[in-house]
């Protein structure tokens, strides 16, 4: 499996840049563009480390299968999940986890090897969601023969609202503190190749929010 997370907006520092300036302890307004750039860079680095966008935003998850996965690993995983027999096969009990926190699912669609156009799926009929678990997930119940599913399914596209934020929509303070910490370190060690960006203090602040790595069969 190939997994890809994308967002439509450019990642920026999600807090008040004046707070970062206080952390850096720079009083010169001439340094503000440098601090802003470093804070944005620190935010991007933090998102990469956490494995999820920071702050509430629209996210697209694309799960793709290659030719070698059409009837080997994926087929075995499907059969082990449980199936029932009626006029055709139905897959059941096979959860697909979303790799980041999710507030709501906006749309789910699939494309096939014979048709590149995205085919929308209907919530409650083609899939159900569970967003209350630690790892949000979707269960699919495709009303099609299992042979067609194996040989035609190519891409699964899930659009949802997610990110790391509190109930009031703000970014958790340990994450902002980690970004401040990293920005200050980069500001004070400009040009120093020995500066360790990922030291223990930075990782400790983010340890409760780090998402599991996305993995697949390929």
N, C-alpha and C. Protein backbone atom coordinates (compact mmCIF):
# COMPACT_ATOMS: atom_id res chain seq x y z
N UNK A 1 0.83 -1.20 0.00
CA UNK A 1 0.00 0.00 0.00
C UNK A 1 0.87 1.25 0.00
N UNK A 2 0.40 2.26 -0.67
CA UNK A 2 1.03 3.57 -0.65
C UNK A 2 0.07 4.54 0.02
N UNK A 3 0.56 5.32 0.98
CA UNK A 3 -0.25 6.27 1.72
C UNK A 3 0.27 7.67 1.49
N UNK A 4 -0.64 8.64 1.33
CA UNK A 4 -0.24 10.03 1.13
C UNK A 4 -1.22 10.94 1.84
N UNK A 5 -0.69 11.85 2.67
CA UNK A 5 -1.48 12.87 3.33
C UNK A 5 -1.19 14.22 2.69
N UNK A 6 -2.23 14.96 2.33
CA UNK A 6 -2.03 16.28 1.73
C UNK A 6 -3.02 17.27 2.35
N UNK A 7 -2.64 18.55 2.34
CA UNK A 7 -3.53 19.64 2.74
C UNK A 7 -3.46 20.73 1.69
N UNK A 8 -4.48 21.56 1.63
CA UNK A 8 -4.53 22.61 0.61
C UNK A 8 -3.77 23.87 1.01
N UNK A 9 -3.51 24.04 2.30
CA UNK A 9 -2.88 25.27 2.75
C UNK A 9 -1.41 25.04 3.10
N UNK A 10 -0.65 26.12 3.08
CA UNK A 10 0.76 26.08 3.42
C UNK A 10 0.90 26.15 4.94
N UNK A 11 1.77 25.31 5.49
CA UNK A 11 1.95 25.27 6.94
C UNK A 11 2.61 26.55 7.44
N UNK A 12 1.98 27.19 8.41
CA UNK A 12 2.51 28.39 9.06
C UNK A 12 2.51 28.17 10.58
N UNK A 13 3.29 28.98 11.28
CA UNK A 13 3.26 28.93 12.73
C UNK A 13 1.85 29.27 13.20
N UNK A 14 1.23 28.42 14.05
CA UNK A 14 -0.20 28.60 14.38
C UNK A 14 -0.50 29.55 15.53
N UNK A 15 0.51 30.11 16.18
CA UNK A 15 0.27 30.99 17.33
C UNK A 15 0.60 32.44 17.06
N UNK A 16 0.78 33.20 18.12
CA UNK A 16 1.13 34.62 18.05
C UNK A 16 2.65 34.73 17.93
N UNK A 17 3.12 35.34 16.84
CA UNK A 17 4.56 35.42 16.60
C UNK A 17 5.25 36.25 17.68
N UNK A 18 4.50 37.13 18.37
CA UNK A 18 5.10 37.91 19.47
C UNK A 18 5.54 36.99 20.61
N UNK A 19 4.82 35.88 20.81
CA UNK A 19 5.22 34.91 21.83
C UNK A 19 6.55 34.26 21.48
N UNK A 20 6.75 34.00 20.19
CA UNK A 20 8.02 33.41 19.75
C UNK A 20 9.14 34.42 19.95
N UNK A 21 8.87 35.68 19.64
CA UNK A 21 9.88 36.73 19.82
C UNK A 21 10.30 36.83 21.29
N UNK A 22 9.34 36.65 22.20
CA UNK A 22 9.67 36.66 23.63
C UNK A 22 10.56 35.47 23.99
N UNK A 23 10.27 34.32 23.42
CA UNK A 23 11.08 33.13 23.69
C UNK A 23 12.50 33.32 23.18
N UNK A 24 12.61 33.89 21.99
CA UNK A 24 13.93 34.11 21.38
C UNK A 24 14.67 35.21 22.12
N UNK A 25 13.91 36.09 22.78
CA UNK A 25 14.48 37.22 23.53
C UNK A 25 15.19 38.19 22.61
N UNK A 26 14.52 38.47 21.48
CA UNK A 26 15.05 39.45 20.54
C UNK A 26 14.16 40.68 20.55
N UNK A 27 14.74 41.84 20.80
CA UNK A 27 13.97 43.08 20.86
C UNK A 27 14.04 43.87 19.56
N UNK A 28 14.88 43.44 18.64
CA UNK A 28 15.06 44.19 17.39
C UNK A 28 13.96 43.83 16.39
N UNK A 29 13.22 44.83 15.90
CA UNK A 29 12.20 44.55 14.87
C UNK A 29 12.80 44.04 13.57
N UNK A 30 14.08 44.30 13.35
CA UNK A 30 14.74 43.84 12.13
C UNK A 30 14.86 42.31 12.11
N UNK A 31 14.80 41.69 13.30
CA UNK A 31 14.92 40.23 13.39
C UNK A 31 13.59 39.51 13.19
N UNK A 32 12.49 40.27 13.16
CA UNK A 32 11.18 39.64 13.08
C UNK A 32 10.98 38.75 11.84
N UNK A 33 11.40 39.19 10.63
CA UNK A 33 11.26 38.29 9.47
C UNK A 33 12.03 36.98 9.63
N UNK A 34 13.20 37.04 10.26
CA UNK A 34 13.98 35.82 10.50
C UNK A 34 13.26 34.91 11.48
N UNK A 35 12.74 35.51 12.56
CA UNK A 35 12.02 34.73 13.57
C UNK A 35 10.77 34.09 12.96
N UNK A 36 10.05 34.85 12.13
CA UNK A 36 8.85 34.31 11.50
C UNK A 36 9.19 33.13 10.60
N UNK A 37 10.25 33.28 9.81
CA UNK A 37 10.66 32.19 8.93
C UNK A 37 11.08 30.94 9.71
N UNK A 38 11.83 31.15 10.79
CA UNK A 38 12.27 30.02 11.60
C UNK A 38 11.09 29.35 12.32
N UNK A 39 10.12 30.15 12.77
CA UNK A 39 8.93 29.59 13.42
C UNK A 39 8.12 28.75 12.44
N UNK A 40 7.99 29.24 11.20
CA UNK A 40 7.29 28.45 10.17
C UNK A 40 8.04 27.15 9.89
N UNK A 41 9.37 27.24 9.79
CA UNK A 41 10.17 26.04 9.55
C UNK A 41 10.06 25.06 10.72
N UNK A 42 10.07 25.59 11.95
CA UNK A 42 9.93 24.74 13.13
C UNK A 42 8.57 24.04 13.15
N UNK A 43 7.54 24.73 12.67
CA UNK A 43 6.20 24.13 12.61
C UNK A 43 6.18 22.98 11.60
N UNK A 44 6.80 23.18 10.45
CA UNK A 44 6.87 22.12 9.44
C UNK A 44 7.62 20.91 9.98
N UNK A 45 8.76 21.17 10.62
CA UNK A 45 9.56 20.08 11.21
C UNK A 45 8.74 19.32 12.26
N UNK A 46 7.99 20.06 13.06
CA UNK A 46 7.18 19.43 14.12
C UNK A 46 6.07 18.60 13.52
N UNK A 47 5.42 19.08 12.47
CA UNK A 47 4.39 18.29 11.80
C UNK A 47 4.96 16.99 11.24
N UNK A 48 6.14 17.07 10.64
CA UNK A 48 6.78 15.87 10.10
C UNK A 48 7.09 14.88 11.21
N UNK A 49 7.57 15.38 12.35
CA UNK A 49 7.91 14.50 13.46
C UNK A 49 6.66 13.87 14.06
N UNK A 50 5.59 14.65 14.21
CA UNK A 50 4.36 14.14 14.80
C UNK A 50 3.61 13.21 13.86
N UNK A 51 3.76 13.40 12.56
CA UNK A 51 3.04 12.59 11.60
C UNK A 51 1.61 13.03 11.38
N UNK A 52 1.32 14.29 11.70
CA UNK A 52 -0.03 14.82 11.52
C UNK A 52 0.04 16.34 11.39
N UNK A 53 -0.86 16.95 10.61
CA UNK A 53 -0.91 18.41 10.57
C UNK A 53 -1.25 18.98 11.95
N UNK A 54 -0.78 20.19 12.21
CA UNK A 54 -1.05 20.88 13.47
C UNK A 54 -2.17 21.89 13.21
N UNK A 55 -3.15 21.91 14.08
CA UNK A 55 -4.25 22.85 13.89
C UNK A 55 -5.33 22.26 13.00
N UNK A 56 -6.56 22.70 13.20
CA UNK A 56 -7.71 22.18 12.46
C UNK A 56 -7.65 22.59 11.00
N UNK A 57 -7.75 21.62 10.10
CA UNK A 57 -7.73 21.91 8.67
C UNK A 57 -8.28 20.73 7.87
N UNK A 58 -8.55 20.98 6.59
CA UNK A 58 -9.01 19.90 5.71
C UNK A 58 -7.81 19.07 5.27
N UNK A 59 -7.94 17.75 5.34
CA UNK A 59 -6.86 16.83 5.02
C UNK A 59 -7.39 15.79 4.02
N UNK A 60 -6.55 15.41 3.09
CA UNK A 60 -6.89 14.32 2.16
C UNK A 60 -5.94 13.16 2.36
N UNK A 61 -6.49 11.98 2.60
CA UNK A 61 -5.72 10.75 2.71
C UNK A 61 -5.99 9.92 1.46
N UNK A 62 -4.93 9.55 0.76
CA UNK A 62 -5.04 8.70 -0.43
C UNK A 62 -4.32 7.39 -0.16
N UNK A 63 -5.05 6.29 -0.29
CA UNK A 63 -4.48 4.95 -0.13
C UNK A 63 -4.54 4.28 -1.49
N UNK A 64 -3.36 3.91 -2.03
CA UNK A 64 -3.28 3.35 -3.38
C UNK A 64 -2.71 1.95 -3.35
N UNK A 65 -3.18 1.13 -4.27
CA UNK A 65 -2.65 -0.22 -4.43
C UNK A 65 -1.91 -0.31 -5.77
N UNK A 66 -0.82 -1.05 -5.76
CA UNK A 66 -0.08 -1.32 -6.99
C UNK A 66 -0.54 -2.66 -7.57
N UNK A 67 -0.06 -2.95 -8.78
CA UNK A 67 -0.49 -4.18 -9.45
C UNK A 67 -0.16 -5.43 -8.65
N UNK A 68 0.97 -5.44 -7.97
CA UNK A 68 1.40 -6.63 -7.24
C UNK A 68 0.54 -6.91 -6.01
N UNK A 69 -0.30 -5.95 -5.62
CA UNK A 69 -1.11 -6.12 -4.42
C UNK A 69 -2.54 -6.50 -4.72
N UNK A 70 -2.87 -6.72 -5.98
CA UNK A 70 -4.26 -6.94 -6.35
C UNK A 70 -4.82 -8.25 -5.82
N UNK A 71 -4.00 -9.28 -5.75
CA UNK A 71 -4.57 -10.56 -5.34
C UNK A 71 -3.65 -11.37 -4.43
N UNK A 72 -2.75 -10.67 -3.69
CA UNK A 72 -1.86 -11.38 -2.80
C UNK A 72 -2.08 -10.92 -1.36
N UNK A 73 -1.28 -9.97 -0.88
CA UNK A 73 -1.40 -9.54 0.51
C UNK A 73 -2.77 -8.97 0.83
N UNK A 74 -3.29 -8.14 -0.08
CA UNK A 74 -4.57 -7.49 0.18
C UNK A 74 -5.69 -8.52 0.22
N UNK A 75 -5.63 -9.51 -0.68
CA UNK A 75 -6.65 -10.54 -0.71
C UNK A 75 -6.65 -11.35 0.58
N UNK A 76 -5.47 -11.72 1.06
CA UNK A 76 -5.39 -12.49 2.30
C UNK A 76 -5.94 -11.68 3.48
N UNK A 77 -5.59 -10.39 3.54
CA UNK A 77 -6.09 -9.54 4.62
C UNK A 77 -7.61 -9.44 4.57
N UNK A 78 -8.15 -9.33 3.36
CA UNK A 78 -9.60 -9.23 3.20
C UNK A 78 -10.29 -10.51 3.66
N UNK A 79 -9.78 -11.66 3.22
CA UNK A 79 -10.41 -12.92 3.57
C UNK A 79 -10.33 -13.20 5.06
N UNK A 80 -9.24 -12.78 5.70
CA UNK A 80 -9.08 -13.00 7.13
C UNK A 80 -10.01 -12.10 7.95
N UNK A 81 -10.49 -11.02 7.34
CA UNK A 81 -11.32 -10.07 8.08
C UNK A 81 -12.74 -10.58 8.25
N UNK A 82 -13.17 -11.51 7.40
CA UNK A 82 -14.53 -12.03 7.50
C UNK A 82 -15.37 -11.63 6.31
N UNK A 83 -16.08 -12.59 5.72
CA UNK A 83 -16.98 -12.32 4.60
C UNK A 83 -18.27 -13.09 4.80
N UNK A 84 -19.31 -12.68 4.13
CA UNK A 84 -20.58 -13.40 4.17
C UNK A 84 -21.07 -13.61 2.75
N UNK A 85 -21.92 -14.63 2.57
CA UNK A 85 -22.35 -14.99 1.22
C UNK A 85 -23.83 -14.73 1.06
N UNK A 86 -24.17 -14.00 0.01
CA UNK A 86 -25.56 -13.80 -0.36
C UNK A 86 -25.65 -13.98 -1.85
N UNK A 87 -26.22 -12.99 -2.55
CA UNK A 87 -26.19 -13.04 -4.00
C UNK A 87 -24.79 -12.76 -4.52
N UNK A 88 -23.96 -12.17 -3.66
CA UNK A 88 -22.55 -11.96 -3.98
C UNK A 88 -21.80 -11.86 -2.66
N UNK A 89 -20.48 -11.74 -2.71
CA UNK A 89 -19.70 -11.62 -1.48
C UNK A 89 -19.82 -10.21 -0.91
N UNK A 90 -19.78 -10.13 0.39
CA UNK A 90 -19.71 -8.85 1.08
C UNK A 90 -18.55 -8.89 2.05
N UNK A 91 -17.70 -7.87 2.02
CA UNK A 91 -16.62 -7.79 3.00
C UNK A 91 -17.15 -7.18 4.29
N UNK A 92 -16.63 -7.63 5.41
CA UNK A 92 -17.11 -7.10 6.69
C UNK A 92 -15.99 -7.12 7.71
N UNK A 93 -16.14 -6.28 8.74
CA UNK A 93 -15.22 -6.26 9.88
C UNK A 93 -13.79 -5.89 9.50
N UNK A 94 -13.60 -5.17 8.43
CA UNK A 94 -12.26 -4.75 8.03
C UNK A 94 -12.15 -3.24 8.20
N UNK A 95 -11.51 -2.80 9.28
CA UNK A 95 -11.39 -1.38 9.57
C UNK A 95 -10.17 -0.81 8.85
N UNK A 96 -10.32 0.39 8.30
CA UNK A 96 -9.22 1.16 7.75
C UNK A 96 -8.99 2.36 8.67
N UNK A 97 -7.82 2.41 9.29
CA UNK A 97 -7.53 3.48 10.24
C UNK A 97 -7.08 4.76 9.53
N UNK A 98 -7.52 5.89 10.05
CA UNK A 98 -7.06 7.20 9.59
C UNK A 98 -5.85 7.56 10.45
N UNK A 99 -4.72 7.92 9.85
CA UNK A 99 -3.48 8.06 10.62
C UNK A 99 -3.34 9.34 11.43
N UNK A 100 -4.37 10.18 11.48
CA UNK A 100 -4.32 11.40 12.29
C UNK A 100 -5.65 11.56 13.02
N UNK A 101 -5.72 12.39 14.05
CA UNK A 101 -7.02 12.69 14.65
C UNK A 101 -7.98 13.26 13.61
N UNK A 102 -9.25 12.91 13.71
CA UNK A 102 -10.25 13.37 12.73
C UNK A 102 -11.49 13.86 13.46
N UNK A 103 -11.98 15.02 13.06
CA UNK A 103 -13.19 15.59 13.67
C UNK A 103 -14.42 15.13 12.91
N UNK A 104 -14.35 15.10 11.58
CA UNK A 104 -15.48 14.66 10.76
C UNK A 104 -14.98 14.20 9.40
N UNK A 105 -15.73 13.32 8.77
CA UNK A 105 -15.42 12.85 7.43
C UNK A 105 -16.23 13.68 6.44
N UNK A 106 -15.55 14.31 5.49
CA UNK A 106 -16.24 15.14 4.50
C UNK A 106 -16.72 14.33 3.31
N UNK A 107 -15.89 13.43 2.82
CA UNK A 107 -16.29 12.58 1.69
C UNK A 107 -15.34 11.40 1.59
N UNK A 108 -15.83 10.31 0.99
CA UNK A 108 -15.03 9.13 0.72
C UNK A 108 -15.33 8.70 -0.71
N UNK A 109 -14.30 8.40 -1.48
CA UNK A 109 -14.50 8.00 -2.87
C UNK A 109 -13.42 7.00 -3.28
N UNK A 110 -13.69 6.27 -4.36
CA UNK A 110 -12.75 5.29 -4.88
C UNK A 110 -12.59 5.49 -6.38
N UNK A 111 -11.47 5.03 -6.90
CA UNK A 111 -11.27 4.94 -8.34
C UNK A 111 -10.81 3.53 -8.66
N UNK A 112 -11.01 3.10 -9.88
CA UNK A 112 -10.66 1.75 -10.28
C UNK A 112 -9.62 1.79 -11.39
N UNK A 113 -9.06 0.63 -11.70
CA UNK A 113 -8.07 0.55 -12.77
C UNK A 113 -8.69 0.84 -14.12
N UNK A 114 -9.98 0.56 -14.28
CA UNK A 114 -10.64 0.79 -15.56
C UNK A 114 -11.28 2.17 -15.66
N UNK A 115 -11.41 2.87 -14.51
CA UNK A 115 -12.04 4.18 -14.51
C UNK A 115 -11.32 5.07 -13.51
N UNK A 116 -10.62 6.10 -14.00
CA UNK A 116 -9.82 6.98 -13.13
C UNK A 116 -10.67 7.99 -12.39
N UNK A 117 -11.94 8.16 -12.80
CA UNK A 117 -12.81 9.12 -12.12
C UNK A 117 -13.14 8.62 -10.71
N UNK A 118 -13.20 9.55 -9.76
CA UNK A 118 -13.53 9.19 -8.39
C UNK A 118 -15.02 8.89 -8.27
N UNK A 119 -15.33 7.76 -7.66
CA UNK A 119 -16.71 7.33 -7.46
C UNK A 119 -17.07 7.59 -6.00
N UNK A 120 -18.04 8.48 -5.71
CA UNK A 120 -18.36 8.78 -4.31
C UNK A 120 -19.06 7.61 -3.63
N UNK A 121 -18.73 7.41 -2.35
CA UNK A 121 -19.37 6.40 -1.53
C UNK A 121 -20.34 7.08 -0.57
N UNK A 122 -21.35 6.35 -0.12
CA UNK A 122 -22.42 6.92 0.70
C UNK A 122 -22.25 6.45 2.14
N UNK A 123 -22.17 7.41 3.05
CA UNK A 123 -22.05 7.10 4.47
C UNK A 123 -23.30 6.37 4.96
N UNK A 124 -23.11 5.30 5.70
CA UNK A 124 -24.23 4.51 6.20
C UNK A 124 -24.64 3.39 5.27
N UNK A 125 -24.19 3.45 4.02
CA UNK A 125 -24.49 2.39 3.06
C UNK A 125 -23.20 1.70 2.61
N UNK A 126 -22.28 2.50 2.10
CA UNK A 126 -21.00 1.94 1.63
C UNK A 126 -19.95 1.88 2.72
N UNK A 127 -20.11 2.70 3.76
CA UNK A 127 -19.13 2.69 4.85
C UNK A 127 -19.74 3.27 6.11
N UNK A 128 -19.14 2.95 7.24
CA UNK A 128 -19.49 3.54 8.52
C UNK A 128 -18.21 4.05 9.17
N UNK A 129 -18.32 5.01 10.07
CA UNK A 129 -17.14 5.62 10.68
C UNK A 129 -17.18 5.45 12.20
N UNK A 130 -16.00 5.44 12.78
CA UNK A 130 -15.83 5.43 14.24
C UNK A 130 -14.75 6.45 14.56
N UNK A 131 -15.16 7.64 14.95
CA UNK A 131 -14.22 8.73 15.21
C UNK A 131 -13.95 8.92 16.69
N UNK A 132 -14.51 8.04 17.54
CA UNK A 132 -14.36 8.19 18.98
C UNK A 132 -13.20 7.38 19.53
N UNK A 133 -12.66 6.45 18.73
CA UNK A 133 -11.52 5.67 19.19
C UNK A 133 -10.24 6.49 19.10
N UNK A 134 -9.18 5.99 19.72
CA UNK A 134 -7.91 6.71 19.71
C UNK A 134 -7.42 6.93 18.29
N UNK A 135 -7.55 5.90 17.44
CA UNK A 135 -7.22 6.02 16.02
C UNK A 135 -8.53 5.97 15.23
N UNK A 136 -9.01 7.10 14.70
CA UNK A 136 -10.27 7.11 13.94
C UNK A 136 -10.21 6.08 12.80
N UNK A 137 -11.35 5.51 12.45
CA UNK A 137 -11.34 4.44 11.46
C UNK A 137 -12.64 4.40 10.67
N UNK A 138 -12.57 3.69 9.53
CA UNK A 138 -13.71 3.53 8.63
C UNK A 138 -13.84 2.05 8.31
N UNK A 139 -15.08 1.55 8.30
CA UNK A 139 -15.35 0.18 7.87
C UNK A 139 -16.18 0.23 6.59
N UNK A 140 -15.75 -0.53 5.59
CA UNK A 140 -16.42 -0.53 4.29
C UNK A 140 -17.24 -1.80 4.12
N UNK A 141 -18.35 -1.68 3.38
CA UNK A 141 -19.19 -2.83 3.06
C UNK A 141 -19.60 -2.71 1.59
N UNK A 142 -18.65 -2.99 0.69
CA UNK A 142 -18.90 -2.82 -0.73
C UNK A 142 -19.90 -3.85 -1.23
N UNK A 143 -20.93 -3.38 -1.88
CA UNK A 143 -21.94 -4.26 -2.45
C UNK A 143 -21.52 -4.65 -3.87
N UNK A 144 -20.47 -5.45 -3.96
CA UNK A 144 -19.95 -5.90 -5.26
C UNK A 144 -19.25 -7.23 -5.04
N UNK A 145 -19.04 -7.99 -6.12
CA UNK A 145 -18.39 -9.28 -5.97
C UNK A 145 -16.95 -9.09 -5.55
N UNK A 146 -16.44 -10.03 -4.80
CA UNK A 146 -15.08 -9.91 -4.28
C UNK A 146 -14.05 -9.93 -5.41
N UNK A 147 -14.34 -10.63 -6.50
CA UNK A 147 -13.42 -10.65 -7.64
C UNK A 147 -13.28 -9.27 -8.25
N UNK A 148 -14.41 -8.59 -8.45
CA UNK A 148 -14.37 -7.23 -9.00
C UNK A 148 -13.60 -6.30 -8.07
N UNK A 149 -13.79 -6.49 -6.76
CA UNK A 149 -13.09 -5.63 -5.81
C UNK A 149 -11.58 -5.80 -5.93
N UNK A 150 -11.09 -7.03 -6.01
CA UNK A 150 -9.66 -7.28 -6.10
C UNK A 150 -9.06 -6.71 -7.38
N UNK A 151 -9.75 -6.88 -8.49
CA UNK A 151 -9.14 -6.56 -9.77
C UNK A 151 -9.43 -5.16 -10.29
N UNK A 152 -10.31 -4.42 -9.64
CA UNK A 152 -10.63 -3.08 -10.13
C UNK A 152 -10.25 -1.96 -9.16
N UNK A 153 -10.27 -2.23 -7.86
CA UNK A 153 -10.01 -1.17 -6.89
C UNK A 153 -8.57 -0.68 -7.00
N UNK A 154 -8.38 0.64 -7.11
CA UNK A 154 -7.04 1.22 -7.22
C UNK A 154 -6.76 2.23 -6.11
N UNK A 155 -7.58 3.27 -5.99
CA UNK A 155 -7.35 4.33 -5.01
C UNK A 155 -8.55 4.51 -4.10
N UNK A 156 -8.27 4.75 -2.84
CA UNK A 156 -9.28 5.13 -1.86
C UNK A 156 -8.93 6.53 -1.38
N UNK A 157 -9.86 7.47 -1.50
CA UNK A 157 -9.61 8.87 -1.15
C UNK A 157 -10.57 9.28 -0.03
N UNK A 158 -10.00 9.71 1.09
CA UNK A 158 -10.79 10.13 2.24
C UNK A 158 -10.48 11.60 2.53
N UNK A 159 -11.48 12.46 2.42
CA UNK A 159 -11.36 13.87 2.77
C UNK A 159 -12.00 14.09 4.13
N UNK A 160 -11.25 14.70 5.06
CA UNK A 160 -11.77 14.88 6.40
C UNK A 160 -11.16 16.11 7.05
N UNK A 161 -11.76 16.53 8.16
CA UNK A 161 -11.23 17.64 8.96
C UNK A 161 -10.48 17.03 10.13
N UNK A 162 -9.21 17.37 10.29
CA UNK A 162 -8.41 16.80 11.35
C UNK A 162 -7.30 17.72 11.77
N UNK A 163 -6.38 17.16 12.54
CA UNK A 163 -5.27 17.94 13.07
C UNK A 163 -5.22 17.83 14.59
N UNK A 164 -4.19 18.40 15.17
CA UNK A 164 -4.03 18.38 16.62
C UNK A 164 -4.49 19.71 17.20
N UNK A 165 -5.58 19.69 17.95
CA UNK A 165 -6.11 20.91 18.53
C UNK A 165 -6.97 20.56 19.73
N UNK A 166 -7.17 21.55 20.58
CA UNK A 166 -8.02 21.37 21.76
C UNK A 166 -9.49 21.52 21.37
N UNK A 167 -10.38 21.30 22.32
CA UNK A 167 -11.81 21.41 22.05
C UNK A 167 -12.18 22.81 21.55
N UNK A 168 -11.48 23.84 22.07
CA UNK A 168 -11.78 25.21 21.65
C UNK A 168 -11.12 25.59 20.33
N UNK A 169 -10.43 24.63 19.70
CA UNK A 169 -9.80 24.88 18.41
C UNK A 169 -8.37 25.35 18.49
N UNK A 170 -7.85 25.55 19.70
CA UNK A 170 -6.46 26.01 19.84
C UNK A 170 -5.49 24.83 19.80
N UNK A 171 -4.24 25.13 19.46
CA UNK A 171 -3.20 24.10 19.43
C UNK A 171 -2.76 23.80 20.87
N UNK A 172 -2.59 22.53 21.24
CA UNK A 172 -2.14 22.20 22.61
C UNK A 172 -0.86 22.94 22.97
N UNK A 173 -0.80 23.45 24.20
CA UNK A 173 0.33 24.28 24.63
C UNK A 173 1.68 23.54 24.58
N UNK A 174 1.77 22.22 24.89
CA UNK A 174 3.07 21.56 24.77
C UNK A 174 3.62 21.59 23.34
N UNK A 175 2.73 21.55 22.35
CA UNK A 175 3.19 21.61 20.95
C UNK A 175 3.72 22.99 20.64
N UNK A 176 3.02 24.04 21.06
CA UNK A 176 3.50 25.40 20.85
C UNK A 176 4.83 25.62 21.58
N UNK A 177 4.94 25.08 22.79
CA UNK A 177 6.19 25.23 23.54
C UNK A 177 7.34 24.55 22.81
N UNK A 178 7.09 23.37 22.23
CA UNK A 178 8.12 22.66 21.47
C UNK A 178 8.55 23.47 20.25
N UNK A 179 7.59 24.12 19.58
CA UNK A 179 7.92 24.95 18.42
C UNK A 179 8.74 26.16 18.87
N UNK A 180 8.37 26.78 20.00
CA UNK A 180 9.15 27.90 20.54
C UNK A 180 10.57 27.44 20.86
N UNK A 181 10.67 26.31 21.50
CA UNK A 181 11.96 25.74 21.90
C UNK A 181 12.86 25.52 20.68
N UNK A 182 12.26 24.95 19.63
CA UNK A 182 13.02 24.66 18.41
C UNK A 182 13.41 25.95 17.69
N UNK A 183 12.49 26.91 17.64
CA UNK A 183 12.77 28.18 16.97
C UNK A 183 13.92 28.91 17.66
N UNK A 184 13.88 28.95 18.99
CA UNK A 184 14.95 29.61 19.75
C UNK A 184 16.29 28.93 19.48
N UNK A 185 16.30 27.59 19.46
CA UNK A 185 17.54 26.87 19.20
C UNK A 185 18.10 27.16 17.82
N UNK A 186 17.24 27.22 16.82
CA UNK A 186 17.70 27.50 15.46
C UNK A 186 18.17 28.94 15.33
N UNK A 187 17.49 29.85 16.04
CA UNK A 187 17.88 31.26 15.98
C UNK A 187 19.26 31.48 16.61
N UNK A 188 19.48 30.84 17.76
CA UNK A 188 20.74 31.04 18.48
C UNK A 188 21.90 30.26 17.88
N UNK A 189 21.61 29.27 17.07
CA UNK A 189 22.66 28.42 16.50
C UNK A 189 22.68 28.48 14.98
N UNK A 190 22.36 29.64 14.43
CA UNK A 190 22.38 29.80 12.98
C UNK A 190 23.78 29.54 12.43
N UNK A 191 23.85 28.64 11.47
CA UNK A 191 25.13 28.30 10.87
C UNK A 191 25.92 27.25 11.63
N UNK A 192 25.40 26.78 12.76
CA UNK A 192 26.10 25.77 13.56
C UNK A 192 25.59 24.39 13.15
N UNK A 193 26.41 23.65 12.43
CA UNK A 193 26.01 22.34 11.92
C UNK A 193 25.94 21.28 13.02
N UNK A 194 26.47 21.57 14.20
CA UNK A 194 26.45 20.60 15.29
C UNK A 194 25.19 20.71 16.15
N UNK A 195 24.34 21.67 15.87
CA UNK A 195 23.12 21.87 16.66
C UNK A 195 22.17 20.70 16.45
N UNK A 196 21.74 20.06 17.55
CA UNK A 196 20.84 18.91 17.50
C UNK A 196 19.40 19.40 17.60
N UNK A 197 18.70 19.36 16.49
CA UNK A 197 17.32 19.85 16.46
C UNK A 197 16.42 18.96 17.32
N UNK A 198 16.61 17.65 17.19
CA UNK A 198 15.73 16.69 17.87
C UNK A 198 16.32 16.25 19.20
N UNK A 199 16.58 17.17 20.11
CA UNK A 199 17.11 16.74 21.39
C UNK A 199 15.98 16.24 22.28
N UNK A 200 16.33 15.73 23.45
CA UNK A 200 15.35 15.05 24.29
C UNK A 200 14.23 15.97 24.80
N UNK A 201 14.56 17.23 25.06
CA UNK A 201 13.53 18.14 25.56
C UNK A 201 12.43 18.35 24.54
N UNK A 202 12.80 18.51 23.28
CA UNK A 202 11.85 18.70 22.20
C UNK A 202 10.98 17.46 22.04
N UNK A 203 11.60 16.29 22.02
CA UNK A 203 10.86 15.04 21.84
C UNK A 203 9.93 14.78 23.03
N UNK A 204 10.39 15.11 24.23
CA UNK A 204 9.58 14.87 25.42
C UNK A 204 8.29 15.69 25.37
N UNK A 205 8.38 16.94 24.96
CA UNK A 205 7.19 17.78 24.87
C UNK A 205 6.16 17.23 23.90
N UNK A 206 6.63 16.54 22.86
CA UNK A 206 5.74 16.06 21.80
C UNK A 206 5.37 14.58 21.96
N UNK A 207 5.91 13.92 22.97
CA UNK A 207 5.75 12.46 23.07
C UNK A 207 4.28 12.03 23.16
N UNK A 208 3.44 12.82 23.80
CA UNK A 208 2.03 12.43 23.96
C UNK A 208 1.21 12.63 22.70
N UNK A 209 1.77 13.31 21.69
CA UNK A 209 0.99 13.65 20.50
C UNK A 209 1.50 12.97 19.23
N UNK A 210 2.60 12.25 19.32
CA UNK A 210 3.18 11.62 18.13
C UNK A 210 2.27 10.50 17.63
N UNK A 211 1.98 10.52 16.32
CA UNK A 211 1.11 9.52 15.73
C UNK A 211 1.92 8.32 15.24
N UNK A 212 1.30 7.13 15.21
CA UNK A 212 2.01 5.96 14.68
C UNK A 212 2.38 6.17 13.21
N UNK A 213 3.50 5.60 12.80
CA UNK A 213 3.92 5.71 11.41
C UNK A 213 2.93 4.98 10.50
N UNK A 214 2.69 5.56 9.32
CA UNK A 214 1.85 4.89 8.33
C UNK A 214 2.66 3.77 7.71
N UNK A 215 2.10 2.59 7.64
CA UNK A 215 2.81 1.46 7.03
C UNK A 215 1.85 0.70 6.14
N UNK A 216 2.40 -0.05 5.19
CA UNK A 216 1.57 -0.83 4.27
C UNK A 216 2.25 -2.09 3.85
N UNK A 217 1.72 -2.72 2.82
CA UNK A 217 2.20 -4.04 2.41
C UNK A 217 3.39 -3.98 1.47
N UNK A 218 3.63 -2.80 0.87
CA UNK A 218 4.69 -2.75 -0.14
C UNK A 218 6.05 -2.67 0.51
